[in-house]
């Protein structure tokens, strides 16, 4: 299963607008995408689940994807993270 480690350097992490953009981008892929922070994980397609992770500036999150377009999904989410 492909995975990436992402660091959120934007001012608010994955709060409100950035989280909504992340969830929207994750929803564009068929792959099952999961965010992992410490011992907690969240479905990347669920805004509430992503917000509950409480990802703040400087936090490191592992993103895993499983499915035919897993690598493309991780590439897109990695690129988006750099733009937030």
PDB file of N, CA and C in Angstrom:
ATOM      1  N   UNK A   1       0.855  -1.173   0.000  1.00  0.00           N
ATOM      2  CA  UNK A   1       0.000   0.000   0.000  1.00  0.00           C
ATOM      3  C   UNK A   1       0.903   1.239   0.000  1.00  0.00           C
ATOM      4  N   UNK A   2       0.734   2.099  -1.004  1.00  0.00           N
ATOM      5  CA  UNK A   2       1.546   3.316  -1.064  1.00  0.00           C
ATOM      6  C   UNK A   2       1.215   4.267   0.090  1.00  0.00           C
ATOM      7  N   UNK A   3       2.217   5.001   0.513  1.00  0.00           N
ATOM      8  CA  UNK A   3       1.997   5.988   1.573  1.00  0.00           C
ATOM      9  C   UNK A   3       2.949   7.154   1.393  1.00  0.00           C
ATOM     10  N   UNK A   4       2.576   8.269   1.997  1.00  0.00           N
ATOM     11  CA  UNK A   4       3.409   9.480   1.992  1.00  0.00           C
ATOM     12  C   UNK A   4       3.341  10.104   3.373  1.00  0.00           C
ATOM     13  N   UNK A   5       4.431  10.731   3.753  1.00  0.00           N
ATOM     14  CA  UNK A   5       4.444  11.521   4.978  1.00  0.00           C
ATOM     15  C   UNK A   5       4.350  12.983   4.576  1.00  0.00           C
ATOM     16  N   UNK A   6       3.349  13.670   5.098  1.00  0.00           N
ATOM     17  CA  UNK A   6       3.129  15.072   4.771  1.00  0.00           C
ATOM     18  C   UNK A   6       3.303  15.928   6.022  1.00  0.00           C
ATOM     19  N   UNK A   7       3.832  17.123   5.837  1.00  0.00           N
ATOM     20  CA  UNK A   7       3.939  18.095   6.912  1.00  0.00           C
ATOM     21  C   UNK A   7       3.123  19.315   6.502  1.00  0.00           C
ATOM     22  N   UNK A   8       2.259  19.753   7.392  1.00  0.00           N
ATOM     23  CA  UNK A   8       1.391  20.890   7.096  1.00  0.00           C
ATOM     24  C   UNK A   8       2.027  22.160   7.649  1.00  0.00           C
ATOM     25  N   UNK A   9       2.610  22.947   6.738  1.00  0.00           N
ATOM     26  CA  UNK A   9       3.320  24.165   7.132  1.00  0.00           C
ATOM     27  C   UNK A   9       2.466  25.418   7.008  1.00  0.00           C
ATOM     28  N   UNK A  10       1.227  25.263   6.532  1.00  0.00           N
ATOM     29  CA  UNK A  10       0.375  26.447   6.415  1.00  0.00           C
ATOM     30  C   UNK A  10      -0.036  26.928   7.808  1.00  0.00           C
ATOM     31  N   UNK A  11      -0.581  28.084   7.880  1.00  0.00           N
ATOM     32  CA  UNK A  11      -0.863  28.743   9.158  1.00  0.00           C
ATOM     33  C   UNK A  11      -1.831  27.982  10.058  1.00  0.00           C
ATOM     34  N   UNK A  12      -2.832  27.311   9.472  1.00  0.00           N
ATOM     35  CA  UNK A  12      -3.879  26.694  10.298  1.00  0.00           C
ATOM     36  C   UNK A  12      -3.927  25.164  10.208  1.00  0.00           C
ATOM     37  N   UNK A  13      -2.984  24.545   9.518  1.00  0.00           N
ATOM     38  CA  UNK A  13      -3.021  23.088   9.391  1.00  0.00           C
ATOM     39  C   UNK A  13      -4.201  22.651   8.534  1.00  0.00           C
ATOM     40  N   UNK A  14      -4.911  21.612   8.996  1.00  0.00           N
ATOM     41  CA  UNK A  14      -6.100  21.143   8.267  1.00  0.00           C
ATOM     42  C   UNK A  14      -7.350  21.573   9.018  1.00  0.00           C
ATOM     43  N   UNK A  15      -7.587  22.851   9.044  1.00  0.00           N
ATOM     44  CA  UNK A  15      -8.752  23.398   9.716  1.00  0.00           C
ATOM     45  C   UNK A  15      -9.650  24.048   8.684  1.00  0.00           C
ATOM     46  N   UNK A  16     -10.937  23.845   8.783  1.00  0.00           N
ATOM     47  CA  UNK A  16     -11.977  24.462   7.953  1.00  0.00           C
ATOM     48  C   UNK A  16     -11.674  24.427   6.450  1.00  0.00           C
ATOM     49  N   UNK A  17     -11.287  25.550   5.871  1.00  0.00           N
ATOM     50  CA  UNK A  17     -11.119  25.639   4.422  1.00  0.00           C
ATOM     51  C   UNK A  17     -10.058  24.671   3.896  1.00  0.00           C
ATOM     52  N   UNK A  18      -8.853  24.633   4.474  1.00  0.00           N
ATOM     53  CA  UNK A  18      -7.867  23.676   3.962  1.00  0.00           C
ATOM     54  C   UNK A  18      -8.352  22.227   4.069  1.00  0.00           C
ATOM     55  N   UNK A  19      -9.045  21.891   5.134  1.00  0.00           N
ATOM     56  CA  UNK A  19      -9.571  20.534   5.292  1.00  0.00           C
ATOM     57  C   UNK A  19     -10.609  20.241   4.218  1.00  0.00           C
ATOM     58  N   UNK A  20     -11.458  21.200   3.935  1.00  0.00           N
ATOM     59  CA  UNK A  20     -12.481  21.017   2.905  1.00  0.00           C
ATOM     60  C   UNK A  20     -11.841  20.806   1.535  1.00  0.00           C
ATOM     61  N   UNK A  21     -10.795  21.544   1.238  1.00  0.00           N
ATOM     62  CA  UNK A  21     -10.092  21.370  -0.033  1.00  0.00           C
ATOM     63  C   UNK A  21      -9.429  19.995  -0.103  1.00  0.00           C
ATOM     64  N   UNK A  22      -8.854  19.549   0.993  1.00  0.00           N
ATOM     65  CA  UNK A  22      -8.202  18.243   1.054  1.00  0.00           C
ATOM     66  C   UNK A  22      -9.221  17.129   0.826  1.00  0.00           C
ATOM     67  N   UNK A  23     -10.357  17.221   1.499  1.00  0.00           N
ATOM     68  CA  UNK A  23     -11.420  16.216   1.376  1.00  0.00           C
ATOM     69  C   UNK A  23     -11.974  16.203  -0.052  1.00  0.00           C
ATOM     70  N   UNK A  24     -12.155  17.378  -0.625  1.00  0.00           N
ATOM     71  CA  UNK A  24     -12.665  17.468  -1.995  1.00  0.00           C
ATOM     72  C   UNK A  24     -11.703  16.792  -2.970  1.00  0.00           C
ATOM     73  N   UNK A  25     -10.416  17.063  -2.815  1.00  0.00           N
ATOM     74  CA  UNK A  25      -9.410  16.453  -3.694  1.00  0.00           C
ATOM     75  C   UNK A  25      -9.384  14.938  -3.503  1.00  0.00           C
ATOM     76  N   UNK A  26      -9.456  14.466  -2.271  1.00  0.00           N
ATOM     77  CA  UNK A  26      -9.462  13.023  -1.997  1.00  0.00           C
ATOM     78  C   UNK A  26     -10.674  12.356  -2.645  1.00  0.00           C
ATOM     79  N   UNK A  27     -11.786  13.056  -2.698  1.00  0.00           N
ATOM     80  CA  UNK A  27     -13.010  12.525  -3.281  1.00  0.00           C
ATOM     81  C   UNK A  27     -12.952  12.367  -4.791  1.00  0.00           C
ATOM     82  N   UNK A  28     -11.944  12.936  -5.420  1.00  0.00           N
ATOM     83  CA  UNK A  28     -11.798  12.825  -6.870  1.00  0.00           C
ATOM     84  C   UNK A  28     -11.211  11.483  -7.302  1.00  0.00           C
ATOM     85  N   UNK A  29     -10.803  10.661  -6.333  1.00  0.00           N
ATOM     86  CA  UNK A  29     -10.138   9.396  -6.649  1.00  0.00           C
ATOM     87  C   UNK A  29     -10.949   8.221  -6.133  1.00  0.00           C
ATOM     88  N   UNK A  30     -10.781   7.080  -6.793  1.00  0.00           N
ATOM     89  CA  UNK A  30     -11.463   5.860  -6.370  1.00  0.00           C
ATOM     90  C   UNK A  30     -10.742   5.178  -5.216  1.00  0.00           C
ATOM     91  N   UNK A  31      -9.477   5.463  -5.040  1.00  0.00           N
ATOM     92  CA  UNK A  31      -8.681   4.832  -3.988  1.00  0.00           C
ATOM     93  C   UNK A  31      -9.256   5.138  -2.604  1.00  0.00           C
ATOM     94  N   UNK A  32      -9.063   4.206  -1.702  1.00  0.00           N
ATOM     95  CA  UNK A  32      -9.395   4.433  -0.296  1.00  0.00           C
ATOM     96  C   UNK A  32      -8.208   5.154   0.319  1.00  0.00           C
ATOM     97  N   UNK A  33      -8.432   6.363   0.816  1.00  0.00           N
ATOM     98  CA  UNK A  33      -7.349   7.207   1.321  1.00  0.00           C
ATOM     99  C   UNK A  33      -7.562   7.439   2.816  1.00  0.00           C
ATOM    100  N   UNK A  34      -6.517   7.192   3.587  1.00  0.00           N
ATOM    101  CA  UNK A  34      -6.611   7.314   5.039  1.00  0.00           C
ATOM    102  C   UNK A  34      -5.491   8.204   5.555  1.00  0.00           C
ATOM    103  N   UNK A  35      -5.835   9.099   6.464  1.00  0.00           N
ATOM    104  CA  UNK A  35      -4.854   9.944   7.149  1.00  0.00           C
ATOM    105  C   UNK A  35      -4.545   9.318   8.503  1.00  0.00           C
ATOM    106  N   UNK A  36      -3.267   9.327   8.885  1.00  0.00           N
ATOM    107  CA  UNK A  36      -2.840   8.775  10.170  1.00  0.00           C
ATOM    108  C   UNK A  36      -2.043   9.836  10.914  1.00  0.00           C
ATOM    109  N   UNK A  37      -2.503  10.194  12.100  1.00  0.00           N
ATOM    110  CA  UNK A  37      -1.780  11.138  12.959  1.00  0.00           C
ATOM    111  C   UNK A  37      -1.656  10.476  14.319  1.00  0.00           C
ATOM    112  N   UNK A  38      -0.421  10.241  14.724  1.00  0.00           N
ATOM    113  CA  UNK A  38      -0.155   9.506  15.965  1.00  0.00           C
ATOM    114  C   UNK A  38      -0.868   8.161  15.889  1.00  0.00           C
ATOM    115  N   UNK A  39      -1.742   7.869  16.809  1.00  0.00           N
ATOM    116  CA  UNK A  39      -2.444   6.587  16.818  1.00  0.00           C
ATOM    117  C   UNK A  39      -3.871   6.701  16.280  1.00  0.00           C
ATOM    118  N   UNK A  40      -4.193   7.854  15.698  1.00  0.00           N
ATOM    119  CA  UNK A  40      -5.544   8.108  15.198  1.00  0.00           C
ATOM    120  C   UNK A  40      -5.528   8.105  13.679  1.00  0.00           C
ATOM    121  N   UNK A  41      -6.613   7.624  13.096  1.00  0.00           N
ATOM    122  CA  UNK A  41      -6.712   7.656  11.637  1.00  0.00           C
ATOM    123  C   UNK A  41      -8.085   8.176  11.224  1.00  0.00           C
ATOM    124  N   UNK A  42      -8.147   8.662   9.980  1.00  0.00           N
ATOM    125  CA  UNK A  42      -9.390   9.240   9.473  1.00  0.00           C
ATOM    126  C   UNK A  42      -9.521   8.980   7.991  1.00  0.00           C
ATOM    127  N   UNK A  43     -10.749   8.762   7.559  1.00  0.00           N
ATOM    128  CA  UNK A  43     -11.068   8.646   6.139  1.00  0.00           C
ATOM    129  C   UNK A  43     -10.891  10.031   5.512  1.00  0.00           C
ATOM    130  N   UNK A  44     -10.060  10.115   4.493  1.00  0.00           N
ATOM    131  CA  UNK A  44      -9.759  11.410   3.870  1.00  0.00           C
ATOM    132  C   UNK A  44     -10.948  11.999   3.131  1.00  0.00           C
ATOM    133  N   UNK A  45     -12.018  11.236   2.938  1.00  0.00           N
ATOM    134  CA  UNK A  45     -13.220  11.752   2.266  1.00  0.00           C
ATOM    135  C   UNK A  45     -14.237  12.319   3.252  1.00  0.00           C
ATOM    136  N   UNK A  46     -13.956  12.231   4.531  1.00  0.00           N
ATOM    137  CA  UNK A  46     -14.895  12.692   5.549  1.00  0.00           C
ATOM    138  C   UNK A  46     -14.364  13.967   6.202  1.00  0.00           C
ATOM    139  N   UNK A  47     -15.049  15.068   5.950  1.00  0.00           N
ATOM    140  CA  UNK A  47     -14.614  16.344   6.520  1.00  0.00           C
ATOM    141  C   UNK A  47     -14.585  16.282   8.043  1.00  0.00           C
ATOM    142  N   UNK A  48     -15.615  15.731   8.634  1.00  0.00           N
ATOM    143  CA  UNK A  48     -15.665  15.649  10.098  1.00  0.00           C
ATOM    144  C   UNK A  48     -14.511  14.814  10.637  1.00  0.00           C
ATOM    145  N   UNK A  49     -14.228  13.684  10.005  1.00  0.00           N
ATOM    146  CA  UNK A  49     -13.132  12.825  10.457  1.00  0.00           C
ATOM    147  C   UNK A  49     -11.787  13.542  10.339  1.00  0.00           C
ATOM    148  N   UNK A  50     -11.582  14.261   9.239  1.00  0.00           N
ATOM    149  CA  UNK A  50     -10.330  15.000   9.042  1.00  0.00           C
ATOM    150  C   UNK A  50     -10.201  16.105  10.085  1.00  0.00           C
ATOM    151  N   UNK A  51     -11.272  16.829  10.344  1.00  0.00           N
ATOM    152  CA  UNK A  51     -11.232  17.887  11.349  1.00  0.00           C
ATOM    153  C   UNK A  51     -10.946  17.333  12.744  1.00  0.00           C
ATOM    154  N   UNK A  52     -11.476  16.142  13.044  1.00  0.00           N
ATOM    155  CA  UNK A  52     -11.246  15.523  14.349  1.00  0.00           C
ATOM    156  C   UNK A  52      -9.781  15.148  14.582  1.00  0.00           C
ATOM    157  N   UNK A  53      -9.025  14.985  13.503  1.00  0.00           N
ATOM    158  CA  UNK A  53      -7.595  14.685  13.667  1.00  0.00           C
ATOM    159  C   UNK A  53      -6.840  15.856  14.292  1.00  0.00           C
ATOM    160  N   UNK A  54      -7.404  17.049  14.178  1.00  0.00           N
ATOM    161  CA  UNK A  54      -6.797  18.252  14.754  1.00  0.00           C
ATOM    162  C   UNK A  54      -5.362  18.457  14.253  1.00  0.00           C
ATOM    163  N   UNK A  55      -5.208  18.453  12.928  1.00  0.00           N
ATOM    164  CA  UNK A  55      -3.897  18.653  12.320  1.00  0.00           C
ATOM    165  C   UNK A  55      -3.575  20.140  12.360  1.00  0.00           C
ATOM    166  N   UNK A  56      -2.477  20.457  13.033  1.00  0.00           N
ATOM    167  CA  UNK A  56      -2.064  21.859  13.187  1.00  0.00           C
ATOM    168  C   UNK A  56      -0.776  22.126  12.425  1.00  0.00           C
ATOM    169  N   UNK A  57      -0.415  23.380  12.372  1.00  0.00           N
ATOM    170  CA  UNK A  57       0.808  23.781  11.677  1.00  0.00           C
ATOM    171  C   UNK A  57       2.001  22.994  12.213  1.00  0.00           C
ATOM    172  N   UNK A  58       2.768  22.439  11.285  1.00  0.00           N
ATOM    173  CA  UNK A  58       3.964  21.691  11.661  1.00  0.00           C
ATOM    174  C   UNK A  58       3.728  20.215  11.951  1.00  0.00           C
ATOM    175  N   UNK A  59       2.467  19.796  12.002  1.00  0.00           N
ATOM    176  CA  UNK A  59       2.165  18.388  12.269  1.00  0.00           C
ATOM    177  C   UNK A  59       2.554  17.516  11.075  1.00  0.00           C
ATOM    178  N   UNK A  60       2.985  16.294  11.394  1.00  0.00           N
ATOM    179  CA  UNK A  60       3.320  15.298  10.381  1.00  0.00           C
ATOM    180  C   UNK A  60       2.187  14.280  10.332  1.00  0.00           C
ATOM    181  N   UNK A  61       1.739  14.000   9.131  1.00  0.00           N
ATOM    182  CA  UNK A  61       0.629  13.074   8.928  1.00  0.00           C
ATOM    183  C   UNK A  61       1.052  12.065   7.860  1.00  0.00           C
ATOM    184  N   UNK A  62       0.781  10.791   8.108  1.00  0.00           N
ATOM    185  CA  UNK A  62       1.019   9.761   7.097  1.00  0.00           C
ATOM    186  C   UNK A  62      -0.277   9.550   6.333  1.00  0.00           C
ATOM    187  N   UNK A  63      -0.185   9.539   5.027  1.00  0.00           N
ATOM    188  CA  UNK A  63      -1.349   9.321   4.175  1.00  0.00           C
ATOM    189  C   UNK A  63      -1.136   8.011   3.422  1.00  0.00           C
ATOM    190  N   UNK A  64      -2.108   7.117   3.528  1.00  0.00           N
ATOM    191  CA  UNK A  64      -2.046   5.851   2.801  1.00  0.00           C
ATOM    192  C   UNK A  64      -3.187   5.799   1.799  1.00  0.00           C
ATOM    193  N   UNK A  65      -2.959   5.085   0.719  1.00  0.00           N
ATOM    194  CA  UNK A  65      -3.997   4.938  -0.298  1.00  0.00           C
ATOM    195  C   UNK A  65      -3.956   3.511  -0.834  1.00  0.00           C
ATOM    196  N   UNK A  66      -5.138   2.998  -1.122  1.00  0.00           N
ATOM    197  CA  UNK A  66      -5.239   1.643  -1.655  1.00  0.00           C
ATOM    198  C   UNK A  66      -6.251   1.648  -2.789  1.00  0.00           C
ATOM    199  N   UNK A  67      -5.822   1.167  -3.947  1.00  0.00           N
ATOM    200  CA  UNK A  67      -6.704   1.123  -5.107  1.00  0.00           C
ATOM    201  C   UNK A  67      -5.928   1.395  -6.379  1.00  0.00           C
ATOM    202  N   UNK A  68      -6.627   1.322  -7.498  1.00  0.00           N
ATOM    203  CA  UNK A  68      -5.979   1.472  -8.800  1.00  0.00           C
ATOM    204  C   UNK A  68      -5.305   2.830  -8.991  1.00  0.00           C
ATOM    205  N   UNK A  69      -5.889   3.876  -8.455  1.00  0.00           N
ATOM    206  CA  UNK A  69      -5.326   5.214  -8.639  1.00  0.00           C
ATOM    207  C   UNK A  69      -4.665   5.745  -7.362  1.00  0.00           C
ATOM    208  N   UNK A  70      -4.149   4.847  -6.537  1.00  0.00           N
ATOM    209  CA  UNK A  70      -3.557   5.234  -5.255  1.00  0.00           C
ATOM    210  C   UNK A  70      -2.375   6.187  -5.415  1.00  0.00           C
ATOM    211  N   UNK A  71      -1.467   5.863  -6.325  1.00  0.00           N
ATOM    212  CA  UNK A  71      -0.292   6.733  -6.517  1.00  0.00           C
ATOM    213  C   UNK A  71      -0.705   8.115  -7.015  1.00  0.00           C
ATOM    214  N   UNK A  72      -1.647   8.167  -7.941  1.00  0.00           N
ATOM    215  CA  UNK A  72      -2.120   9.453  -8.462  1.00  0.00           C
ATOM    216  C   UNK A  72      -2.779  10.262  -7.354  1.00  0.00           C
ATOM    217  N   UNK A  73      -3.525   9.590  -6.497  1.00  0.00           N
ATOM    218  CA  UNK A  73      -4.176  10.279  -5.382  1.00  0.00           C
ATOM    219  C   UNK A  73      -3.137  10.867  -4.432  1.00  0.00           C
ATOM    220  N   UNK A  74      -2.129  10.086  -4.105  1.00  0.00           N
ATOM    221  CA  UNK A  74      -1.083  10.583  -3.200  1.00  0.00           C
ATOM    222  C   UNK A  74      -0.306  11.726  -3.830  1.00  0.00           C
ATOM    223  N   UNK A  75      -0.033  11.633  -5.124  1.00  0.00           N
ATOM    224  CA  UNK A  75       0.658  12.733  -5.825  1.00  0.00           C
ATOM    225  C   UNK A  75      -0.165  14.013  -5.739  1.00  0.00           C
ATOM    226  N   UNK A  76      -1.469  13.910  -6.014  1.00  0.00           N
ATOM    227  CA  UNK A  76      -2.338  15.086  -6.007  1.00  0.00           C
ATOM    228  C   UNK A  76      -2.459  15.684  -4.611  1.00  0.00           C
ATOM    229  N   UNK A  77      -2.596  14.842  -3.601  1.00  0.00           N
ATOM    230  CA  UNK A  77      -2.719  15.339  -2.233  1.00  0.00           C
ATOM    231  C   UNK A  77      -1.410  15.945  -1.724  1.00  0.00           C
ATOM    232  N   UNK A  78      -0.301  15.383  -2.143  1.00  0.00           N
ATOM    233  CA  UNK A  78       1.005  15.943  -1.777  1.00  0.00           C
ATOM    234  C   UNK A  78       1.163  17.328  -2.396  1.00  0.00           C
ATOM    235  N   UNK A  79       0.783  17.441  -3.663  1.00  0.00           N
ATOM    236  CA  UNK A  79       0.863  18.747  -4.341  1.00  0.00           C
ATOM    237  C   UNK A  79      -0.070  19.757  -3.678  1.00  0.00           C
ATOM    238  N   UNK A  80      -1.288  19.336  -3.364  1.00  0.00           N
ATOM    239  CA  UNK A  80      -2.240  20.231  -2.709  1.00  0.00           C
ATOM    240  C   UNK A  80      -1.713  20.714  -1.363  1.00  0.00           C
ATOM    241  N   UNK A  81      -1.124  19.819  -0.607  1.00  0.00           N
ATOM    242  CA  UNK A  81      -0.603  20.179   0.722  1.00  0.00           C
ATOM    243  C   UNK A  81       0.423  21.310   0.611  1.00  0.00           C
ATOM    244  N   UNK A  82       1.229  21.278  -0.428  1.00  0.00           N
ATOM    245  CA  UNK A  82       2.210  22.344  -0.633  1.00  0.00           C
ATOM    246  C   UNK A  82       1.584  23.677  -1.020  1.00  0.00           C
ATOM    247  N   UNK A  83       0.329  23.656  -1.480  1.00  0.00           N
ATOM    248  CA  UNK A  83      -0.355  24.870  -1.908  1.00  0.00           C
ATOM    249  C   UNK A  83      -1.236  25.473  -0.834  1.00  0.00           C
ATOM    250  N   UNK A  84      -1.498  24.715   0.218  1.00  0.00           N
ATOM    251  CA  UNK A  84      -2.407  25.212   1.265  1.00  0.00           C
ATOM    252  C   UNK A  84      -1.776  26.323   2.065  1.00  0.00           C
TER     253      UNK A  84
END
